[in-house]
Amino acid sequence: MGRIQYFWRHPLAEQVREEGRREGREKGLIEGSRRMALRILEARRIPVPDTARERIETCTDLDQLETWAERAVHATDAHELFTDE
């Protein structure tokens, strides 16, 4: 009797799963950075206009989001996050 090769154990299936995990981690980091930038501003009682909120919530660049979160710590206005761009 021949050996049965289950699809979920196939190298291609492993590769697809790993790519999915990588994408999931990246999406999680992006979403976390978005929330962090907004939470910092809100915790500091800095109003976040709809335009600034939309810009943060639609950004997919992790480095940019982390920069904005760092700037939020010292900002006095939400639009200060976007200076020097």
PDB file of N, CA and C in Angstrom:
ATOM      1  N   MET A   1       0.843  -1.173   0.000  1.00  0.00           N
ATOM      2  CA  MET A   1       0.000   0.000   0.000  1.00  0.00           C
ATOM      3  C   MET A   1       0.892   1.241   0.000  1.00  0.00           C
ATOM      4  N   GLY A   2       0.521   2.226  -0.820  1.00  0.00           N
ATOM      5  CA  GLY A   2       1.323   3.445  -0.926  1.00  0.00           C
ATOM      6  C   GLY A   2       1.132   4.382   0.262  1.00  0.00           C
ATOM      7  N   ARG A   3       2.089   5.223   0.429  1.00  0.00           N
ATOM      8  CA  ARG A   3       2.055   6.198   1.523  1.00  0.00           C
ATOM      9  C   ARG A   3       1.117   7.339   1.147  1.00  0.00           C
ATOM     10  N   ILE A   4       0.273   7.754   2.054  1.00  0.00           N
ATOM     11  CA  ILE A   4      -0.663   8.859   1.810  1.00  0.00           C
ATOM     12  C   ILE A   4       0.015  10.167   2.205  1.00  0.00           C
ATOM     13  N   GLN A   5       0.018  11.119   1.294  1.00  0.00           N
ATOM     14  CA  GLN A   5       0.590  12.447   1.567  1.00  0.00           C
ATOM     15  C   GLN A   5      -0.555  13.408   1.852  1.00  0.00           C
ATOM     16  N   TYR A   6      -0.712  13.785   3.082  1.00  0.00           N
ATOM     17  CA  TYR A   6      -1.766  14.711   3.443  1.00  0.00           C
ATOM     18  C   TYR A   6      -1.377  16.126   3.009  1.00  0.00           C
ATOM     19  N   PHE A   7      -2.340  16.844   2.443  1.00  0.00           N
ATOM     20  CA  PHE A   7      -2.047  18.168   1.906  1.00  0.00           C
ATOM     21  C   PHE A   7      -1.480  19.099   2.966  1.00  0.00           C
ATOM     22  N   TRP A   8      -2.044  19.090   4.175  1.00  0.00           N
ATOM     23  CA  TRP A   8      -1.604  20.046   5.186  1.00  0.00           C
ATOM     24  C   TRP A   8      -0.183  19.797   5.652  1.00  0.00           C
ATOM     25  N   ARG A   9       0.375  18.631   5.274  1.00  0.00           N
ATOM     26  CA  ARG A   9       1.773  18.345   5.605  1.00  0.00           C
ATOM     27  C   ARG A   9       2.694  18.570   4.405  1.00  0.00           C
ATOM     28  N   HIS A  10       2.132  18.897   3.307  1.00  0.00           N
ATOM     29  CA  HIS A  10       2.902  19.110   2.082  1.00  0.00           C
ATOM     30  C   HIS A  10       3.733  20.390   2.223  1.00  0.00           C
ATOM     31  N   PRO A  11       4.945  20.421   1.677  1.00  0.00           N
ATOM     32  CA  PRO A  11       5.785  21.622   1.779  1.00  0.00           C
ATOM     33  C   PRO A  11       5.096  22.886   1.242  1.00  0.00           C
ATOM     34  N   LEU A  12       4.309  22.753   0.195  1.00  0.00           N
ATOM     35  CA  LEU A  12       3.608  23.919  -0.342  1.00  0.00           C
ATOM     36  C   LEU A  12       2.596  24.449   0.669  1.00  0.00           C
ATOM     37  N   ALA A  13       1.901  23.549   1.346  1.00  0.00           N
ATOM     38  CA  ALA A  13       0.937  23.964   2.371  1.00  0.00           C
ATOM     39  C   ALA A  13       1.658  24.658   3.516  1.00  0.00           C
ATOM     40  N   GLU A  14       2.806  24.143   3.914  1.00  0.00           N
ATOM     41  CA  GLU A  14       3.609  24.777   4.973  1.00  0.00           C
ATOM     42  C   GLU A  14       4.021  26.186   4.552  1.00  0.00           C
ATOM     43  N   GLN A  15       4.430  26.339   3.297  1.00  0.00           N
ATOM     44  CA  GLN A  15       4.854  27.638   2.794  1.00  0.00           C
ATOM     45  C   GLN A  15       3.683  28.634   2.817  1.00  0.00           C
ATOM     46  N   VAL A  16       2.523  28.185   2.375  1.00  0.00           N
ATOM     47  CA  VAL A  16       1.340  29.049   2.359  1.00  0.00           C
ATOM     48  C   VAL A  16       0.971  29.469   3.779  1.00  0.00           C
ATOM     49  N   ARG A  17       1.027  28.517   4.711  1.00  0.00           N
ATOM     50  CA  ARG A  17       0.714  28.844   6.111  1.00  0.00           C
ATOM     51  C   ARG A  17       1.700  29.859   6.675  1.00  0.00           C
ATOM     52  N   GLU A  18       2.982  29.673   6.383  1.00  0.00           N
ATOM     53  CA  GLU A  18       4.001  30.597   6.895  1.00  0.00           C
ATOM     54  C   GLU A  18       3.800  31.999   6.321  1.00  0.00           C
ATOM     55  N   GLU A  19       3.481  32.086   5.035  1.00  0.00           N
ATOM     56  CA  GLU A  19       3.213  33.392   4.432  1.00  0.00           C
ATOM     57  C   GLU A  19       2.007  34.049   5.101  1.00  0.00           C
ATOM     58  N   GLY A  20       0.995  33.257   5.394  1.00  0.00           N
ATOM     59  CA  GLY A  20      -0.187  33.769   6.074  1.00  0.00           C
ATOM     60  C   GLY A  20       0.142  34.274   7.469  1.00  0.00           C
ATOM     61  N   ARG A  21       0.977  33.537   8.182  1.00  0.00           N
ATOM     62  CA  ARG A  21       1.388  33.975   9.527  1.00  0.00           C
ATOM     63  C   ARG A  21       2.158  35.283   9.460  1.00  0.00           C
ATOM     64  N   ARG A  22       3.063  35.385   8.479  1.00  0.00           N
ATOM     65  CA  ARG A  22       3.852  36.614   8.313  1.00  0.00           C
ATOM     66  C   ARG A  22       2.943  37.808   8.032  1.00  0.00           C
ATOM     67  N   GLU A  23       2.012  37.612   7.120  1.00  0.00           N
ATOM     68  CA  GLU A  23       1.065  38.687   6.791  1.00  0.00           C
ATOM     69  C   GLU A  23       0.234  39.066   8.006  1.00  0.00           C
ATOM     70  N   GLY A  24      -0.191  38.077   8.763  1.00  0.00           N
ATOM     71  CA  GLY A  24      -0.985  38.335   9.955  1.00  0.00           C
ATOM     72  C   GLY A  24      -0.214  39.120  11.000  1.00  0.00           C
ATOM     73  N   ARG A  25       1.055  38.768  11.196  1.00  0.00           N
ATOM     74  CA  ARG A  25       1.895  39.502  12.151  1.00  0.00           C
ATOM     75  C   ARG A  25       2.066  40.947  11.714  1.00  0.00           C
ATOM     76  N   GLU A  26       2.332  41.144  10.417  1.00  0.00           N
ATOM     77  CA  GLU A  26       2.533  42.500   9.902  1.00  0.00           C
ATOM     78  C   GLU A  26       1.257  43.332  10.056  1.00  0.00           C
ATOM     79  N   LYS A  27       0.122  42.748   9.720  1.00  0.00           N
ATOM     80  CA  LYS A  27      -1.147  43.468   9.872  1.00  0.00           C
ATOM     81  C   LYS A  27      -1.398  43.817  11.333  1.00  0.00           C
ATOM     82  N   GLY A  28      -1.059  42.897  12.225  1.00  0.00           N
ATOM     83  CA  GLY A  28      -1.233  43.147  13.656  1.00  0.00           C
ATOM     84  C   GLY A  28      -0.353  44.284  14.145  1.00  0.00           C
ATOM     85  N   LEU A  29       0.886  44.318  13.679  1.00  0.00           N
ATOM     86  CA  LEU A  29       1.792  45.405  14.066  1.00  0.00           C
ATOM     87  C   LEU A  29       1.289  46.743  13.543  1.00  0.00           C
ATOM     88  N   ILE A  30       0.807  46.751  12.321  1.00  0.00           N
ATOM     89  CA  ILE A  30       0.280  47.985  11.732  1.00  0.00           C
ATOM     90  C   ILE A  30      -0.931  48.462  12.516  1.00  0.00           C
ATOM     91  N   GLU A  31      -1.856  47.569  12.798  1.00  0.00           N
ATOM     92  CA  GLU A  31      -3.064  47.946  13.534  1.00  0.00           C
ATOM     93  C   GLU A  31      -2.711  48.428  14.944  1.00  0.00           C
ATOM     94  N   GLY A  32      -1.774  47.761  15.582  1.00  0.00           N
ATOM     95  CA  GLY A  32      -1.344  48.174  16.921  1.00  0.00           C
ATOM     96  C   GLY A  32      -0.704  49.557  16.917  1.00  0.00           C
ATOM     97  N   SER A  33       0.086  49.845  15.903  1.00  0.00           N
ATOM     98  CA  SER A  33       0.719  51.161  15.808  1.00  0.00           C
ATOM     99  C   SER A  33      -0.309  52.255  15.532  1.00  0.00           C
ATOM    100  N   ARG A  34      -1.307  51.939  14.734  1.00  0.00           N
ATOM    101  CA  ARG A  34      -2.390  52.909  14.499  1.00  0.00           C
ATOM    102  C   ARG A  34      -3.078  53.247  15.814  1.00  0.00           C
ATOM    103  N   ARG A  35      -3.459  52.193  16.545  1.00  0.00           N
ATOM    104  CA  ARG A  35      -4.153  52.403  17.817  1.00  0.00           C
ATOM    105  C   ARG A  35      -3.278  53.157  18.802  1.00  0.00           C
ATOM    106  N   MET A  36      -1.985  52.840  18.833  1.00  0.00           N
ATOM    107  CA  MET A  36      -1.085  53.486  19.776  1.00  0.00           C
ATOM    108  C   MET A  36      -0.998  54.982  19.513  1.00  0.00           C
ATOM    109  N   ALA A  37      -0.833  55.383  18.261  1.00  0.00           N
ATOM    110  CA  ALA A  37      -0.747  56.809  17.942  1.00  0.00           C
ATOM    111  C   ALA A  37      -2.019  57.527  18.389  1.00  0.00           C
ATOM    112  N   LEU A  38      -3.168  56.942  18.094  1.00  0.00           N
ATOM    113  CA  LEU A  38      -4.438  57.566  18.481  1.00  0.00           C
ATOM    114  C   LEU A  38      -4.635  57.563  19.995  1.00  0.00           C
ATOM    115  N   ARG A  39      -4.257  56.485  20.657  1.00  0.00           N
ATOM    116  CA  ARG A  39      -4.427  56.400  22.109  1.00  0.00           C
ATOM    117  C   ARG A  39      -3.553  57.417  22.833  1.00  0.00           C
ATOM    118  N   ILE A  40      -2.341  57.609  22.346  1.00  0.00           N
ATOM    119  CA  ILE A  40      -1.452  58.594  22.978  1.00  0.00           C
ATOM    120  C   ILE A  40      -2.076  59.977  22.882  1.00  0.00           C
ATOM    121  N   LEU A  41      -2.549  60.339  21.690  1.00  0.00           N
ATOM    122  CA  LEU A  41      -3.178  61.652  21.524  1.00  0.00           C
ATOM    123  C   LEU A  41      -4.403  61.780  22.433  1.00  0.00           C
ATOM    124  N   GLU A  42      -5.235  60.756  22.452  1.00  0.00           N
ATOM    125  CA  GLU A  42      -6.450  60.806  23.261  1.00  0.00           C
ATOM    126  C   GLU A  42      -6.126  60.846  24.752  1.00  0.00           C
ATOM    127  N   ALA A  43      -5.117  60.108  25.182  1.00  0.00           N
ATOM    128  CA  ALA A  43      -4.729  60.107  26.591  1.00  0.00           C
ATOM    129  C   ALA A  43      -4.195  61.475  27.015  1.00  0.00           C
ATOM    130  N   ARG A  44      -3.580  62.160  26.074  1.00  0.00           N
ATOM    131  CA  ARG A  44      -3.060  63.496  26.355  1.00  0.00           C
ATOM    132  C   ARG A  44      -4.124  64.565  26.138  1.00  0.00           C
ATOM    133  N   ARG A  45      -5.350  64.126  25.845  1.00  0.00           N
ATOM    134  CA  ARG A  45      -6.505  65.003  25.622  1.00  0.00           C
ATOM    135  C   ARG A  45      -6.273  65.988  24.466  1.00  0.00           C
ATOM    136  N   ILE A  46      -5.611  65.477  23.438  1.00  0.00           N
ATOM    137  CA  ILE A  46      -5.394  66.259  22.218  1.00  0.00           C
ATOM    138  C   ILE A  46      -6.482  65.859  21.236  1.00  0.00           C
ATOM    139  N   PRO A  47      -7.306  66.815  20.814  1.00  0.00           N
ATOM    140  CA  PRO A  47      -8.371  66.494  19.856  1.00  0.00           C
ATOM    141  C   PRO A  47      -7.786  65.917  18.557  1.00  0.00           C
ATOM    142  N   VAL A  48      -8.462  64.915  18.034  1.00  0.00           N
ATOM    143  CA  VAL A  48      -8.024  64.277  16.789  1.00  0.00           C
ATOM    144  C   VAL A  48      -9.101  64.541  15.744  1.00  0.00           C
ATOM    145  N   PRO A  49      -8.853  65.514  14.854  1.00  0.00           N
ATOM    146  CA  PRO A  49      -9.835  65.797  13.798  1.00  0.00           C
ATOM    147  C   PRO A  49     -10.020  64.583  12.885  1.00  0.00           C
ATOM    148  N   ASP A  50     -11.164  64.539  12.231  1.00  0.00           N
ATOM    149  CA  ASP A  50     -11.467  63.419  11.338  1.00  0.00           C
ATOM    150  C   ASP A  50     -10.399  63.222  10.266  1.00  0.00           C
ATOM    151  N   THR A  51      -9.842  64.309   9.742  1.00  0.00           N
ATOM    152  CA  THR A  51      -8.817  64.184   8.688  1.00  0.00           C
ATOM    153  C   THR A  51      -7.571  63.493   9.221  1.00  0.00           C
ATOM    154  N   ALA A  52      -7.160  63.844  10.441  1.00  0.00           N
ATOM    155  CA  ALA A  52      -5.976  63.212  11.043  1.00  0.00           C
ATOM    156  C   ALA A  52      -6.272  61.750  11.371  1.00  0.00           C
ATOM    157  N   ARG A  53      -7.449  61.482  11.928  1.00  0.00           N
ATOM    158  CA  ARG A  53      -7.830  60.115  12.272  1.00  0.00           C
ATOM    159  C   ARG A  53      -7.858  59.233  11.013  1.00  0.00           C
ATOM    160  N   GLU A  54      -8.430  59.749   9.951  1.00  0.00           N
ATOM    161  CA  GLU A  54      -8.505  58.979   8.701  1.00  0.00           C
ATOM    162  C   GLU A  54      -7.113  58.700   8.146  1.00  0.00           C
ATOM    163  N   ARG A  55      -6.237  59.687   8.226  1.00  0.00           N
ATOM    164  CA  ARG A  55      -4.884  59.510   7.717  1.00  0.00           C
ATOM    165  C   ARG A  55      -4.139  58.417   8.491  1.00  0.00           C
ATOM    166  N   ILE A  56      -4.322  58.419   9.806  1.00  0.00           N
ATOM    167  CA  ILE A  56      -3.682  57.404  10.638  1.00  0.00           C
ATOM    168  C   ILE A  56      -4.298  56.030  10.366  1.00  0.00           C
ATOM    169  N   GLU A  57      -5.621  55.972  10.313  1.00  0.00           N
ATOM    170  CA  GLU A  57      -6.310  54.692  10.164  1.00  0.00           C
ATOM    171  C   GLU A  57      -6.146  54.054   8.790  1.00  0.00           C
ATOM    172  N   THR A  58      -5.757  54.830   7.793  1.00  0.00           N
ATOM    173  CA  THR A  58      -5.574  54.267   6.452  1.00  0.00           C
ATOM    174  C   THR A  58      -4.105  54.027   6.101  1.00  0.00           C
ATOM    175  N   CYS A  59      -3.207  54.445   6.965  1.00  0.00           N
ATOM    176  CA  CYS A  59      -1.779  54.265   6.699  1.00  0.00           C
ATOM    177  C   CYS A  59      -1.412  52.785   6.844  1.00  0.00           C
ATOM    178  N   THR A  60      -0.614  52.279   5.928  1.00  0.00           N
ATOM    179  CA  THR A  60      -0.163  50.887   5.976  1.00  0.00           C
ATOM    180  C   THR A  60       1.360  50.779   6.109  1.00  0.00           C
ATOM    181  N   ASP A  61       2.022  51.912   6.292  1.00  0.00           N
ATOM    182  CA  ASP A  61       3.479  51.948   6.424  1.00  0.00           C
ATOM    183  C   ASP A  61       3.839  51.883   7.907  1.00  0.00           C
ATOM    184  N   LEU A  62       4.349  50.741   8.363  1.00  0.00           N
ATOM    185  CA  LEU A  62       4.650  50.537   9.771  1.00  0.00           C
ATOM    186  C   LEU A  62       5.654  51.557  10.294  1.00  0.00           C
ATOM    187  N   ASP A  63       6.698  51.841   9.536  1.00  0.00           N
ATOM    188  CA  ASP A  63       7.689  52.818   9.977  1.00  0.00           C
ATOM    189  C   ASP A  63       7.059  54.189  10.179  1.00  0.00           C
ATOM    190  N   GLN A  64       6.183  54.586   9.263  1.00  0.00           N
ATOM    191  CA  GLN A  64       5.525  55.882   9.367  1.00  0.00           C
ATOM    192  C   GLN A  64       4.628  55.929  10.599  1.00  0.00           C
ATOM    193  N   LEU A  65       3.884  54.865  10.834  1.00  0.00           N
ATOM    194  CA  LEU A  65       2.998  54.814  11.994  1.00  0.00           C
ATOM    195  C   LEU A  65       3.792  54.891  13.293  1.00  0.00           C
ATOM    196  N   GLU A  66       4.920  54.226  13.360  1.00  0.00           N
ATOM    197  CA  GLU A  66       5.761  54.285  14.556  1.00  0.00           C
ATOM    198  C   GLU A  66       6.321  55.687  14.761  1.00  0.00           C
ATOM    199  N   THR A  67       6.671  56.355  13.679  1.00  0.00           N
ATOM    200  CA  THR A  67       7.139  57.739  13.773  1.00  0.00           C
ATOM    201  C   THR A  67       6.036  58.634  14.321  1.00  0.00           C
ATOM    202  N   TRP A  68       4.823  58.452  13.806  1.00  0.00           N
ATOM    203  CA  TRP A  68       3.699  59.261  14.291  1.00  0.00           C
ATOM    204  C   TRP A  68       3.420  58.996  15.765  1.00  0.00           C
ATOM    205  N   ALA A  69       3.515  57.742  16.197  1.00  0.00           N
ATOM    206  CA  ALA A  69       3.287  57.417  17.610  1.00  0.00           C
ATOM    207  C   ALA A  69       4.339  58.089  18.492  1.00  0.00           C
ATOM    208  N   GLU A  70       5.593  58.108  18.040  1.00  0.00           N
ATOM    209  CA  GLU A  70       6.651  58.787  18.787  1.00  0.00           C
ATOM    210  C   GLU A  70       6.391  60.286  18.854  1.00  0.00           C
ATOM    211  N   ARG A  71       5.960  60.870  17.757  1.00  0.00           N
ATOM    212  CA  ARG A  71       5.664  62.302  17.737  1.00  0.00           C
ATOM    213  C   ARG A  71       4.466  62.642  18.621  1.00  0.00           C
ATOM    214  N   ALA A  72       3.535  61.714  18.739  1.00  0.00           N
ATOM    215  CA  ALA A  72       2.336  61.954  19.545  1.00  0.00           C
ATOM    216  C   ALA A  72       2.682  62.202  21.011  1.00  0.00           C
ATOM    217  N   VAL A  73       3.798  61.657  21.455  1.00  0.00           N
ATOM    218  CA  VAL A  73       4.216  61.817  22.848  1.00  0.00           C
ATOM    219  C   VAL A  73       4.482  63.286  23.185  1.00  0.00           C
ATOM    220  N   HIS A  74       4.983  64.042  22.215  1.00  0.00           N
ATOM    221  CA  HIS A  74       5.357  65.432  22.473  1.00  0.00           C
ATOM    222  C   HIS A  74       4.473  66.447  21.761  1.00  0.00           C
ATOM    223  N   ALA A  75       3.569  66.000  20.932  1.00  0.00           N
ATOM    224  CA  ALA A  75       2.743  66.912  20.126  1.00  0.00           C
ATOM    225  C   ALA A  75       1.774  67.704  21.005  1.00  0.00           C
ATOM    226  N   THR A  76       1.459  68.902  20.541  1.00  0.00           N
ATOM    227  CA  THR A  76       0.428  69.704  21.201  1.00  0.00           C
ATOM    228  C   THR A  76      -0.813  69.788  20.324  1.00  0.00           C
ATOM    229  N   ASP A  77      -0.689  69.297  19.093  1.00  0.00           N
ATOM    230  CA  ASP A  77      -1.782  69.298  18.123  1.00  0.00           C
ATOM    231  C   ASP A  77      -1.631  68.045  17.262  1.00  0.00           C
ATOM    232  N   ALA A  78      -2.724  67.422  16.911  1.00  0.00           N
ATOM    233  CA  ALA A  78      -2.671  66.180  16.130  1.00  0.00           C
ATOM    234  C   ALA A  78      -1.953  66.359  14.795  1.00  0.00           C
ATOM    235  N   HIS A  79      -2.048  67.528  14.206  1.00  0.00           N
ATOM    236  CA  HIS A  79      -1.415  67.737  12.902  1.00  0.00           C
ATOM    237  C   HIS A  79       0.112  67.804  12.989  1.00  0.00           C
ATOM    238  N   GLU A  80       0.642  67.922  14.200  1.00  0.00           N
ATOM    239  CA  GLU A  80       2.101  67.912  14.373  1.00  0.00           C
ATOM    240  C   GLU A  80       2.690  66.546  14.031  1.00  0.00           C
ATOM    241  N   LEU A  81       1.877  65.516  14.041  1.00  0.00           N
ATOM    242  CA  LEU A  81       2.357  64.196  13.691  1.00  0.00           C
ATOM    243  C   LEU A  81       2.858  64.155  12.249  1.00  0.00           C
ATOM    244  N   PHE A  82       2.259  64.971  11.411  1.00  0.00           N
ATOM    245  CA  PHE A  82       2.511  64.911   9.980  1.00  0.00           C
ATOM    246  C   PHE A  82       3.518  65.942   9.480  1.00  0.00           C
ATOM    247  N   THR A  83       4.182  66.643  10.368  1.00  0.00           N
ATOM    248  CA  THR A  83       5.179  67.633   9.949  1.00  0.00           C
ATOM    249  C   THR A  83       6.423  66.943   9.417  1.00  0.00           C
ATOM    250  N   ASP A  84       7.186  67.645   8.620  1.00  0.00           N
ATOM    251  CA  ASP A  84       8.438  67.143   8.043  1.00  0.00           C
ATOM    252  C   ASP A  84       8.232  65.936   7.139  1.00  0.00           C
ATOM    253  N   GLU A  85       7.136  65.884   6.438  1.00  0.00           N
ATOM    254  CA  GLU A  85       6.921  64.775   5.499  1.00  0.00           C
ATOM    255  C   GLU A  85       7.051  65.252   4.094  1.00  0.00           C
TER     256      GLU A  85
END
